[in-house]
Amino acid sequence: MKTFTVSAMLASTLALGAAQASDHAITGADVQAAQEAWGAGIVAIGAAYTAGEDYEAAARAHIEQFYAYDGHTVLFKPTLASEDQFRGDFDEALSYFVGGEIEEDGGFAIAPYTQVRWENEATIIDSDSAMAMGNYFFTTTEGEEVKVEYSFGYVQDEDGALKIVLHHSSLPYTPN
């Protein structure tokens, strides 16, 4: 397993936006790169928390990079939200990732996780937008994977970077 410093992980996720800045239609590779960078950002937030660094700044940078709150409506239904199910603005998303504003939020991203692995069921691309659905797996510090179901919708910003406008995730159904 490769070891990265928190600043190196943040730098690599921020570099994705610059790499995508071009005049082209979204591709499946763009979606996969955005997913991998999003996962690395979640890991970086938890690593910053564990190291006693400014994890809130890491979470703010993550949301700014990956979510389209600055110019679009974002439909965000986090996995571990039941009382305030939907996070329609930046501050509510920040609360979910690091805790704070909303009482039920314990800080999902500060768990921490060591890896996020994606298994796309399918991806639909329409030149300047894309949707992906499947499972993603969050590896805990004990090495266990937590399976979560997701649907993400993306649009391109003016620089060509993918931004999330739909994020719905939930734990798999467990019959009684």
Protein backbone atom coordinates (compact mmCIF):
# COMPACT_ATOMS: atom_id res chain seq x y z
CA MET A 1 0.00 0.00 0.00
CA LYS A 2 1.37 3.39 -0.99
CA THR A 3 1.65 6.02 1.70
CA PHE A 4 0.83 9.64 0.88
CA THR A 5 0.99 12.74 3.00
CA VAL A 6 -2.27 14.57 3.42
CA SER A 7 -0.98 17.55 1.46
CA ALA A 8 0.16 15.28 -1.39
CA MET A 9 -3.26 13.61 -1.51
CA LEU A 10 -5.02 16.98 -1.60
CA ALA A 11 -2.67 18.20 -4.31
CA SER A 12 -3.39 15.14 -6.44
CA THR A 13 -7.15 15.59 -6.12
CA LEU A 14 -6.89 19.30 -6.93
CA ALA A 15 -4.78 18.47 -10.00
CA LEU A 16 -7.68 16.47 -11.45
CA GLY A 17 -9.69 19.63 -12.08
CA ALA A 18 -6.84 21.20 -14.00
CA ALA A 19 -6.30 18.01 -16.00
CA GLN A 20 -9.96 17.93 -17.05
CA ALA A 21 -10.00 21.55 -18.18
CA SER A 22 -10.46 21.17 -21.90
CA ASP A 23 -13.11 21.44 -24.57
CA HIS A 24 -14.30 17.87 -24.84
CA ALA A 25 -17.35 15.78 -24.15
CA ILE A 26 -17.33 13.79 -20.93
CA THR A 27 -15.97 10.26 -21.26
CA GLY A 28 -16.21 7.17 -19.09
CA ALA A 29 -12.56 7.70 -18.18
CA ASP A 30 -13.42 11.23 -16.95
CA VAL A 31 -16.12 9.82 -14.67
CA GLN A 32 -13.78 7.14 -13.31
CA ALA A 33 -11.05 9.74 -12.71
CA ALA A 34 -13.53 11.98 -10.87
CA GLN A 35 -14.65 9.04 -8.73
CA GLU A 36 -11.09 8.06 -7.84
CA ALA A 37 -10.20 11.66 -6.98
CA TRP A 38 -13.37 12.03 -4.86
CA GLY A 39 -12.41 8.87 -2.94
CA ALA A 40 -8.85 10.13 -2.44
CA GLY A 41 -10.31 13.36 -1.09
CA ILE A 42 -12.41 11.47 1.48
CA VAL A 43 -9.29 9.57 2.57
CA ALA A 44 -7.34 12.86 2.78
CA ILE A 45 -9.96 14.46 5.03
CA GLY A 46 -9.77 11.53 7.46
CA ALA A 47 -5.97 11.53 7.33
CA ALA A 48 -5.91 15.25 8.14
CA TYR A 49 -8.21 14.64 11.10
CA THR A 50 -6.06 11.76 12.38
CA ALA A 51 -2.86 13.81 11.99
CA GLY A 52 -4.31 16.76 13.90
CA GLU A 53 -4.25 18.92 10.77
CA ASP A 54 -6.94 21.27 9.47
CA TYR A 55 -9.45 18.64 8.35
CA GLU A 56 -12.20 21.23 7.96
CA ALA A 57 -10.10 23.09 5.38
CA ALA A 58 -9.53 19.75 3.60
CA ALA A 59 -13.30 19.13 3.58
CA ARG A 60 -14.02 22.64 2.31
CA ALA A 61 -11.53 22.15 -0.54
CA HIS A 62 -13.09 18.76 -1.30
CA ILE A 63 -16.62 20.17 -1.53
CA GLU A 64 -15.46 23.14 -3.61
CA GLN A 65 -13.64 20.85 -6.03
CA PHE A 66 -16.22 18.11 -6.44
CA TYR A 67 -19.67 19.61 -5.82
CA ALA A 68 -21.42 22.23 -7.96
CA TYR A 69 -22.87 24.27 -5.08
CA ASP A 70 -21.38 27.45 -6.56
CA GLY A 71 -23.60 27.46 -9.65
CA HIS A 72 -26.16 24.65 -9.59
CA THR A 73 -28.74 23.02 -7.43
CA VAL A 74 -27.08 20.00 -5.81
CA LEU A 75 -29.20 17.04 -4.80
CA PHE A 76 -27.23 15.41 -1.97
CA LYS A 77 -28.69 12.56 0.08
CA PRO A 78 -25.87 11.27 2.31
CA THR A 79 -25.65 7.68 3.52
CA LEU A 80 -25.78 8.40 7.24
CA ALA A 81 -28.48 11.07 7.32
CA SER A 82 -31.99 10.36 8.57
CA GLU A 83 -33.30 13.41 10.42
CA ASP A 84 -31.99 15.99 7.94
CA GLN A 85 -31.92 13.70 4.92
CA PHE A 86 -30.92 16.17 2.23
CA ARG A 87 -27.97 18.56 2.09
CA GLY A 88 -28.91 21.33 -0.32
CA ASP A 89 -26.11 23.77 0.46
CA PHE A 90 -22.39 23.91 1.08
CA ASP A 91 -22.62 24.29 4.88
CA GLU A 92 -24.93 21.27 5.22
CA ALA A 93 -22.53 19.18 3.12
CA LEU A 94 -19.61 20.35 5.25
CA SER A 95 -21.50 19.37 8.40
CA TYR A 96 -22.04 15.88 7.01
CA PHE A 97 -18.38 15.39 6.14
CA VAL A 98 -16.82 16.79 9.35
CA GLY A 99 -19.68 17.28 11.83
CA GLY A 100 -20.93 20.53 13.23
CA GLU A 101 -23.98 22.39 11.99
CA ILE A 102 -26.47 19.50 11.98
CA GLU A 103 -26.92 17.60 15.23
CA GLU A 104 -26.99 14.09 13.75
CA ASP A 105 -23.70 14.58 11.87
CA GLY A 106 -20.73 12.78 13.37
CA GLY A 107 -18.35 13.60 10.54
CA PHE A 108 -18.55 10.86 7.92
CA ALA A 109 -15.19 11.72 6.31
CA ILE A 110 -13.22 11.86 9.56
CA ALA A 111 -13.94 8.18 10.33
CA PRO A 112 -11.20 7.77 8.83
CA TYR A 113 -11.03 5.54 5.76
CA THR A 114 -7.89 4.28 4.05
CA GLN A 115 -9.35 3.67 0.59
CA VAL A 116 -12.51 4.08 -1.49
CA ARG A 117 -13.11 1.49 -4.21
CA TRP A 118 -15.78 1.93 -6.91
CA GLU A 119 -17.81 -0.65 -8.83
CA ASN A 120 -19.98 1.08 -11.40
CA GLU A 121 -23.09 -0.81 -12.42
CA ALA A 122 -23.51 1.56 -15.35
CA THR A 123 -22.62 5.03 -16.52
CA ILE A 124 -24.75 7.20 -18.80
CA ILE A 125 -23.01 10.07 -20.60
CA ASP A 126 -24.62 12.94 -22.53
CA SER A 127 -21.69 15.10 -23.75
CA ASP A 128 -21.81 17.67 -20.90
CA SER A 129 -23.37 15.56 -18.15
CA ALA A 130 -23.05 12.03 -16.80
CA MET A 131 -24.69 9.71 -14.30
CA ALA A 132 -23.14 6.70 -12.62
CA MET A 133 -24.68 4.12 -10.28
CA GLY A 134 -23.22 1.19 -8.41
CA ASN A 135 -21.47 0.34 -5.18
CA TYR A 136 -18.54 1.97 -3.50
CA PHE A 137 -16.57 0.41 -0.71
CA PHE A 138 -14.97 2.37 2.13
CA THR A 139 -12.02 0.59 3.75
CA THR A 140 -11.79 1.21 7.50
CA THR A 141 -8.52 1.47 9.39
CA GLU A 142 -9.18 -2.11 10.57
CA GLY A 143 -9.15 -3.25 6.91
CA GLU A 144 -12.89 -3.96 6.66
CA GLU A 145 -14.85 -2.74 3.65
CA VAL A 146 -18.18 -0.98 4.15
CA LYS A 147 -20.38 -1.39 1.07
CA VAL A 148 -22.54 1.59 0.11
CA GLU A 149 -24.89 1.97 -2.86
CA TYR A 150 -24.65 5.22 -4.83
CA SER A 151 -25.95 7.30 -7.70
CA PHE A 152 -23.89 10.31 -8.76
CA GLY A 153 -24.75 12.89 -11.43
CA TYR A 154 -22.07 15.15 -12.91
CA VAL A 155 -21.95 18.28 -15.05
CA GLN A 156 -18.92 19.98 -16.54
CA ASP A 157 -18.00 23.38 -15.20
CA GLU A 158 -16.70 26.18 -17.45
CA ASP A 159 -13.18 24.71 -17.18
CA GLY A 160 -14.29 21.20 -18.16
CA ALA A 161 -14.00 19.75 -14.64
CA LEU A 162 -16.73 17.37 -13.48
CA LYS A 163 -18.88 18.65 -10.62
CA ILE A 164 -21.42 16.61 -8.68
CA VAL A 165 -25.05 17.76 -8.94
CA LEU A 166 -26.58 14.50 -7.68
CA HIS A 167 -25.15 12.40 -4.85
CA HIS A 168 -27.43 9.77 -3.36
CA SER A 169 -25.99 6.99 -1.26
CA SER A 170 -27.44 4.42 1.09
CA LEU A 171 -26.58 1.26 2.91
CA PRO A 172 -27.76 -1.94 1.19
CA TYR A 173 -31.19 -3.24 2.09
CA THR A 174 -31.15 -5.90 4.79
CA PRO A 175 -34.32 -8.02 5.03
CA ASN A 176 -35.60 -8.76 8.54
